[in-house]
């Protein structure tokens, strides 16, 4: 029985170690993807700012197991910033649309940047 107990404990220890390594790899991969997303960021137009928000939201959705609360916050941010609205249907002027998109994209930038910093 002692041999069985020791073997079981060793097996569980090894499984936990492998699981932790897999989780760390997933987190490191997500950090790298987040860094790439920020490097390719553009907020020069309403469309590019909205596109950045949508790309960030897609990244977070893909990684929502790692960042569930962040994903939910990003969804609300995107909705409040009008990232899926078209200029004519939003009821805002073009300059107001740009301002909302720019501010939303800036907030999303810092949200994504927080993911990179949290692992370092």
N, C-alpha and C. Protein backbone atom coordinates (compact mmCIF):
# COMPACT_ATOMS: atom_id res chain seq x y z
N UNK A 1 0.81 -1.19 0.00
CA UNK A 1 0.00 0.00 0.00
C UNK A 1 0.86 1.26 0.00
N UNK A 2 1.95 1.24 0.71
CA UNK A 2 2.84 2.39 0.77
C UNK A 2 3.38 2.71 -0.63
N UNK A 3 3.76 1.67 -1.35
CA UNK A 3 4.29 1.87 -2.70
C UNK A 3 3.22 2.47 -3.60
N UNK A 4 2.00 2.02 -3.49
CA UNK A 4 0.89 2.56 -4.28
C UNK A 4 0.65 4.02 -3.93
N UNK A 5 0.68 4.34 -2.64
CA UNK A 5 0.46 5.72 -2.21
C UNK A 5 1.56 6.64 -2.72
N UNK A 6 2.80 6.21 -2.62
CA UNK A 6 3.94 7.01 -3.10
C UNK A 6 3.85 7.20 -4.62
N UNK A 7 3.53 6.13 -5.32
CA UNK A 7 3.41 6.21 -6.78
C UNK A 7 2.28 7.16 -7.18
N UNK A 8 1.17 7.10 -6.47
CA UNK A 8 0.04 7.99 -6.76
C UNK A 8 0.42 9.44 -6.50
N UNK A 9 1.11 9.70 -5.40
CA UNK A 9 1.53 11.08 -5.10
C UNK A 9 2.52 11.58 -6.15
N UNK A 10 3.43 10.76 -6.58
CA UNK A 10 4.40 11.16 -7.61
C UNK A 10 3.69 11.44 -8.92
N UNK A 11 2.73 10.63 -9.27
CA UNK A 11 1.96 10.83 -10.50
C UNK A 11 1.19 12.14 -10.45
N UNK A 12 0.53 12.42 -9.33
CA UNK A 12 -0.23 13.66 -9.17
C UNK A 12 0.70 14.88 -9.22
N UNK A 13 1.84 14.76 -8.59
CA UNK A 13 2.81 15.86 -8.60
C UNK A 13 3.25 16.16 -10.03
N UNK A 14 3.56 15.13 -10.78
CA UNK A 14 4.01 15.30 -12.17
C UNK A 14 2.89 15.90 -13.02
N UNK A 15 1.65 15.45 -12.84
CA UNK A 15 0.52 16.01 -13.58
C UNK A 15 0.32 17.48 -13.27
N UNK A 16 0.43 17.85 -11.99
CA UNK A 16 0.29 19.26 -11.61
C UNK A 16 1.40 20.10 -12.22
N UNK A 17 2.61 19.58 -12.23
CA UNK A 17 3.74 20.31 -12.81
C UNK A 17 3.52 20.54 -14.31
N UNK A 18 3.06 19.52 -15.00
CA UNK A 18 2.79 19.64 -16.45
C UNK A 18 1.66 20.64 -16.69
N UNK A 19 0.61 20.57 -15.88
CA UNK A 19 -0.52 21.50 -16.03
C UNK A 19 -0.06 22.94 -15.83
N UNK A 20 0.79 23.17 -14.85
CA UNK A 20 1.29 24.51 -14.59
C UNK A 20 2.14 25.01 -15.76
N UNK A 21 2.95 24.12 -16.34
CA UNK A 21 3.78 24.50 -17.48
C UNK A 21 2.91 24.85 -18.69
N UNK A 22 1.86 24.09 -18.92
CA UNK A 22 0.94 24.36 -20.03
C UNK A 22 0.25 25.70 -19.82
N UNK A 23 -0.21 25.96 -18.61
CA UNK A 23 -0.89 27.22 -18.30
C UNK A 23 0.07 28.41 -18.46
N UNK A 24 1.29 28.26 -18.01
CA UNK A 24 2.29 29.32 -18.16
C UNK A 24 2.58 29.59 -19.63
N UNK A 25 2.66 28.53 -20.44
CA UNK A 25 2.88 28.69 -21.88
C UNK A 25 1.72 29.43 -22.52
N UNK A 26 0.49 29.09 -22.15
CA UNK A 26 -0.69 29.78 -22.69
C UNK A 26 -0.65 31.27 -22.33
N UNK A 27 -0.28 31.57 -21.09
CA UNK A 27 -0.22 32.96 -20.66
C UNK A 27 0.88 33.71 -21.39
N UNK A 28 2.05 33.09 -21.54
CA UNK A 28 3.14 33.73 -22.27
C UNK A 28 2.78 33.97 -23.73
N UNK A 29 2.10 33.01 -24.35
CA UNK A 29 1.64 33.19 -25.73
C UNK A 29 0.66 34.35 -25.83
N UNK A 30 -0.24 34.46 -24.86
CA UNK A 30 -1.21 35.55 -24.85
C UNK A 30 -0.51 36.89 -24.69
N UNK A 31 0.50 36.95 -23.83
CA UNK A 31 1.27 38.19 -23.67
C UNK A 31 1.92 38.60 -24.98
N UNK A 32 2.49 37.64 -25.69
CA UNK A 32 3.13 37.93 -26.97
C UNK A 32 2.11 38.43 -28.00
N UNK A 33 0.96 37.82 -28.04
CA UNK A 33 -0.10 38.26 -28.95
C UNK A 33 -0.56 39.67 -28.60
N UNK A 34 -0.68 39.96 -27.31
CA UNK A 34 -1.09 41.29 -26.87
C UNK A 34 -0.05 42.33 -27.29
N UNK A 35 1.21 42.00 -27.14
CA UNK A 35 2.28 42.93 -27.53
C UNK A 35 2.23 43.19 -29.03
N UNK A 36 1.99 42.15 -29.82
CA UNK A 36 1.86 42.33 -31.28
C UNK A 36 0.67 43.20 -31.63
N UNK A 37 -0.42 43.01 -30.93
CA UNK A 37 -1.62 43.83 -31.16
C UNK A 37 -1.32 45.30 -30.90
N UNK A 38 -0.59 45.59 -29.85
CA UNK A 38 -0.26 46.98 -29.53
C UNK A 38 0.73 47.58 -30.53
N UNK A 39 1.65 46.76 -31.02
CA UNK A 39 2.62 47.27 -31.99
C UNK A 39 1.95 47.68 -33.30
N UNK A 40 0.87 47.02 -33.64
CA UNK A 40 0.18 47.30 -34.90
C UNK A 40 -1.02 48.23 -34.73
N UNK A 41 -1.09 48.92 -33.64
CA UNK A 41 -2.22 49.79 -33.31
C UNK A 41 -2.21 51.05 -34.17
N UNK A 42 -3.41 51.45 -34.60
CA UNK A 42 -3.59 52.69 -35.36
C UNK A 42 -4.89 53.32 -34.90
N UNK A 43 -4.85 54.60 -34.58
CA UNK A 43 -6.04 55.33 -34.16
C UNK A 43 -6.19 56.61 -34.97
N UNK A 44 -5.69 56.61 -36.17
CA UNK A 44 -5.68 57.85 -36.96
C UNK A 44 -7.04 58.19 -37.56
N UNK A 45 -7.91 57.22 -37.68
CA UNK A 45 -9.25 57.46 -38.22
C UNK A 45 -10.27 56.78 -37.32
N UNK A 46 -11.52 57.14 -37.51
CA UNK A 46 -12.59 56.49 -36.75
C UNK A 46 -12.57 54.99 -37.01
N UNK A 47 -12.44 54.61 -38.27
CA UNK A 47 -12.43 53.20 -38.64
C UNK A 47 -11.27 52.43 -38.04
N UNK A 48 -10.09 53.03 -38.05
CA UNK A 48 -8.93 52.32 -37.50
C UNK A 48 -9.03 52.20 -35.97
N UNK A 49 -9.57 53.21 -35.32
CA UNK A 49 -9.74 53.15 -33.87
C UNK A 49 -10.76 52.06 -33.52
N UNK A 50 -11.86 52.02 -34.27
CA UNK A 50 -12.87 50.98 -34.03
C UNK A 50 -12.28 49.60 -34.37
N UNK A 51 -11.50 49.53 -35.42
CA UNK A 51 -10.87 48.27 -35.80
C UNK A 51 -9.93 47.78 -34.72
N UNK A 52 -9.18 48.68 -34.12
CA UNK A 52 -8.30 48.28 -33.01
C UNK A 52 -9.11 47.74 -31.84
N UNK A 53 -10.22 48.41 -31.53
CA UNK A 53 -11.06 47.91 -30.43
C UNK A 53 -11.60 46.52 -30.74
N UNK A 54 -12.05 46.32 -31.98
CA UNK A 54 -12.60 45.02 -32.35
C UNK A 54 -11.52 43.94 -32.37
N UNK A 55 -10.33 44.29 -32.83
CA UNK A 55 -9.22 43.32 -32.82
C UNK A 55 -8.85 42.97 -31.37
N UNK A 56 -8.86 43.95 -30.49
CA UNK A 56 -8.57 43.70 -29.08
C UNK A 56 -9.63 42.82 -28.46
N UNK A 57 -10.88 43.09 -28.80
CA UNK A 57 -11.98 42.28 -28.29
C UNK A 57 -11.87 40.84 -28.79
N UNK A 58 -11.48 40.67 -30.04
CA UNK A 58 -11.29 39.33 -30.59
C UNK A 58 -10.18 38.60 -29.85
N UNK A 59 -9.08 39.29 -29.59
CA UNK A 59 -7.97 38.71 -28.83
C UNK A 59 -8.45 38.26 -27.45
N UNK A 60 -9.21 39.12 -26.77
CA UNK A 60 -9.67 38.78 -25.43
C UNK A 60 -10.70 37.66 -25.45
N UNK A 61 -11.53 37.63 -26.48
CA UNK A 61 -12.49 36.54 -26.59
C UNK A 61 -11.76 35.21 -26.78
N UNK A 62 -10.74 35.22 -27.60
CA UNK A 62 -9.94 34.03 -27.84
C UNK A 62 -9.27 33.55 -26.55
N UNK A 63 -8.95 34.47 -25.67
CA UNK A 63 -8.25 34.15 -24.42
C UNK A 63 -9.12 34.38 -23.19
N UNK A 64 -10.44 34.28 -23.35
CA UNK A 64 -11.32 34.60 -22.22
C UNK A 64 -11.21 33.61 -21.06
N UNK A 65 -10.65 32.44 -21.30
CA UNK A 65 -10.41 31.50 -20.19
C UNK A 65 -9.35 32.09 -19.26
N UNK A 66 -8.35 32.76 -19.85
CA UNK A 66 -7.29 33.38 -19.06
C UNK A 66 -7.72 34.72 -18.45
N UNK A 67 -8.55 35.46 -19.19
CA UNK A 67 -8.92 36.83 -18.79
C UNK A 67 -10.44 37.03 -18.84
N UNK A 68 -11.22 36.27 -18.09
CA UNK A 68 -12.68 36.38 -18.22
C UNK A 68 -13.24 37.75 -17.83
N UNK A 69 -12.77 38.33 -16.74
CA UNK A 69 -13.28 39.63 -16.31
C UNK A 69 -12.85 40.73 -17.27
N UNK A 70 -11.62 40.65 -17.74
CA UNK A 70 -11.11 41.65 -18.68
C UNK A 70 -11.91 41.60 -19.98
N UNK A 71 -12.24 40.40 -20.43
CA UNK A 71 -13.06 40.26 -21.64
C UNK A 71 -14.42 40.93 -21.45
N UNK A 72 -15.05 40.71 -20.32
CA UNK A 72 -16.36 41.32 -20.06
C UNK A 72 -16.26 42.85 -20.03
N UNK A 73 -15.22 43.37 -19.39
CA UNK A 73 -15.03 44.82 -19.36
C UNK A 73 -14.80 45.38 -20.76
N UNK A 74 -14.01 44.66 -21.55
CA UNK A 74 -13.72 45.11 -22.91
C UNK A 74 -14.98 45.13 -23.77
N UNK A 75 -15.86 44.15 -23.59
CA UNK A 75 -17.12 44.14 -24.33
C UNK A 75 -17.94 45.39 -24.02
N UNK A 76 -18.02 45.72 -22.75
CA UNK A 76 -18.78 46.92 -22.34
C UNK A 76 -18.13 48.18 -22.89
N UNK A 77 -16.80 48.24 -22.82
CA UNK A 77 -16.07 49.39 -23.35
C UNK A 77 -16.35 49.55 -24.84
N UNK A 78 -16.30 48.47 -25.57
CA UNK A 78 -16.54 48.51 -27.00
C UNK A 78 -17.96 48.98 -27.30
N UNK A 79 -18.93 48.45 -26.58
CA UNK A 79 -20.32 48.86 -26.78
C UNK A 79 -20.49 50.35 -26.46
N UNK A 80 -19.95 50.81 -25.35
CA UNK A 80 -20.09 52.21 -24.93
C UNK A 80 -19.37 53.16 -25.87
N UNK A 81 -18.34 52.66 -26.56
CA UNK A 81 -17.58 53.51 -27.49
C UNK A 81 -18.15 53.48 -28.90
N UNK A 82 -19.17 52.67 -29.10
CA UNK A 82 -19.81 52.60 -30.41
C UNK A 82 -18.97 51.92 -31.47
N UNK A 83 -18.18 50.92 -31.09
CA UNK A 83 -17.27 50.32 -32.07
C UNK A 83 -17.98 49.53 -33.16
N UNK A 84 -19.24 49.18 -32.96
CA UNK A 84 -19.97 48.47 -34.02
C UNK A 84 -21.00 49.35 -34.73
N UNK A 85 -21.10 50.60 -34.32
CA UNK A 85 -22.05 51.51 -34.96
C UNK A 85 -21.44 52.10 -36.23
N UNK A 86 -22.30 52.35 -37.19
CA UNK A 86 -21.85 53.10 -38.36
C UNK A 86 -22.10 54.58 -38.10
N UNK A 87 -21.38 55.42 -38.78
CA UNK A 87 -21.46 56.86 -38.55
C UNK A 87 -22.85 57.43 -38.70
N UNK A 88 -23.61 56.92 -39.64
CA UNK A 88 -24.93 57.48 -39.90
C UNK A 88 -25.98 57.00 -38.91
N UNK A 89 -25.81 55.80 -38.36
CA UNK A 89 -26.83 55.26 -37.47
C UNK A 89 -26.60 55.61 -36.01
N UNK A 90 -25.47 56.21 -35.69
CA UNK A 90 -25.15 56.43 -34.29
C UNK A 90 -25.83 57.65 -33.69
N UNK A 91 -26.21 58.60 -34.51
CA UNK A 91 -26.80 59.82 -34.00
C UNK A 91 -25.78 60.85 -33.56
N UNK A 92 -24.50 60.56 -33.74
CA UNK A 92 -23.42 61.48 -33.38
C UNK A 92 -22.84 62.09 -34.64
N UNK A 93 -22.24 63.27 -34.50
CA UNK A 93 -21.53 63.88 -35.63
C UNK A 93 -20.26 63.08 -35.91
N UNK A 94 -19.67 63.30 -37.07
CA UNK A 94 -18.45 62.57 -37.43
C UNK A 94 -17.33 62.83 -36.42
N UNK A 95 -17.19 64.09 -35.99
CA UNK A 95 -16.14 64.39 -35.02
C UNK A 95 -16.43 63.74 -33.67
N UNK A 96 -17.70 63.67 -33.27
CA UNK A 96 -18.06 62.99 -32.02
C UNK A 96 -17.81 61.49 -32.13
N UNK A 97 -18.12 60.91 -33.31
CA UNK A 97 -17.85 59.49 -33.53
C UNK A 97 -16.37 59.21 -33.39
N UNK A 98 -15.55 60.06 -33.99
CA UNK A 98 -14.10 59.87 -33.91
C UNK A 98 -13.64 59.99 -32.46
N UNK A 99 -14.15 60.99 -31.74
CA UNK A 99 -13.74 61.18 -30.35
C UNK A 99 -14.10 59.96 -29.50
N UNK A 100 -15.31 59.44 -29.66
CA UNK A 100 -15.73 58.24 -28.91
C UNK A 100 -14.83 57.06 -29.27
N UNK A 101 -14.57 56.88 -30.57
CA UNK A 101 -13.74 55.75 -31.01
C UNK A 101 -12.31 55.91 -30.50
N UNK A 102 -11.78 57.12 -30.59
CA UNK A 102 -10.41 57.37 -30.13
C UNK A 102 -10.28 57.10 -28.63
N UNK A 103 -11.21 57.61 -27.85
CA UNK A 103 -11.17 57.40 -26.40
C UNK A 103 -11.34 55.92 -26.05
N UNK A 104 -12.23 55.24 -26.75
CA UNK A 104 -12.42 53.81 -26.52
C UNK A 104 -11.17 53.02 -26.87
N UNK A 105 -10.56 53.35 -28.01
CA UNK A 105 -9.34 52.65 -28.43
C UNK A 105 -8.19 52.94 -27.47
N UNK A 106 -8.12 54.15 -26.94
CA UNK A 106 -7.08 54.48 -25.97
C UNK A 106 -7.27 53.68 -24.69
N UNK A 107 -8.51 53.58 -24.23
CA UNK A 107 -8.79 52.79 -23.04
C UNK A 107 -8.46 51.31 -23.29
N UNK A 108 -8.81 50.82 -24.47
CA UNK A 108 -8.53 49.43 -24.81
C UNK A 108 -7.02 49.19 -24.86
N UNK A 109 -6.29 50.19 -25.37
CA UNK A 109 -4.82 50.09 -25.41
C UNK A 109 -4.27 49.83 -24.01
N UNK A 110 -4.73 50.61 -23.04
CA UNK A 110 -4.22 50.46 -21.67
C UNK A 110 -4.70 49.16 -21.04
N UNK A 111 -5.88 48.71 -21.40
CA UNK A 111 -6.37 47.43 -20.91
C UNK A 111 -5.48 46.30 -21.40
N UNK A 112 -5.16 46.31 -22.69
CA UNK A 112 -4.29 45.28 -23.28
C UNK A 112 -2.88 45.40 -22.72
N UNK A 113 -2.42 46.61 -22.55
CA UNK A 113 -1.09 46.83 -21.97
C UNK A 113 -1.00 46.27 -20.56
N UNK A 114 -2.09 46.32 -19.84
CA UNK A 114 -2.13 45.75 -18.49
C UNK A 114 -1.93 44.25 -18.50
N UNK A 115 -2.38 43.59 -19.55
CA UNK A 115 -2.17 42.15 -19.68
C UNK A 115 -0.69 41.85 -19.83
N UNK A 116 -0.01 42.65 -20.61
CA UNK A 116 1.42 42.43 -20.83
C UNK A 116 2.18 42.66 -19.54
N UNK A 117 1.86 43.70 -18.83
CA UNK A 117 2.58 44.04 -17.60
C UNK A 117 2.31 43.06 -16.48
N UNK A 118 1.12 42.44 -16.47
CA UNK A 118 0.77 41.58 -15.34
C UNK A 118 1.62 40.33 -15.28
N UNK A 119 2.22 39.94 -16.40
CA UNK A 119 3.05 38.75 -16.41
C UNK A 119 4.52 39.02 -16.23
N UNK A 120 4.92 40.26 -16.13
CA UNK A 120 6.35 40.59 -16.05
C UNK A 120 6.71 41.10 -14.68
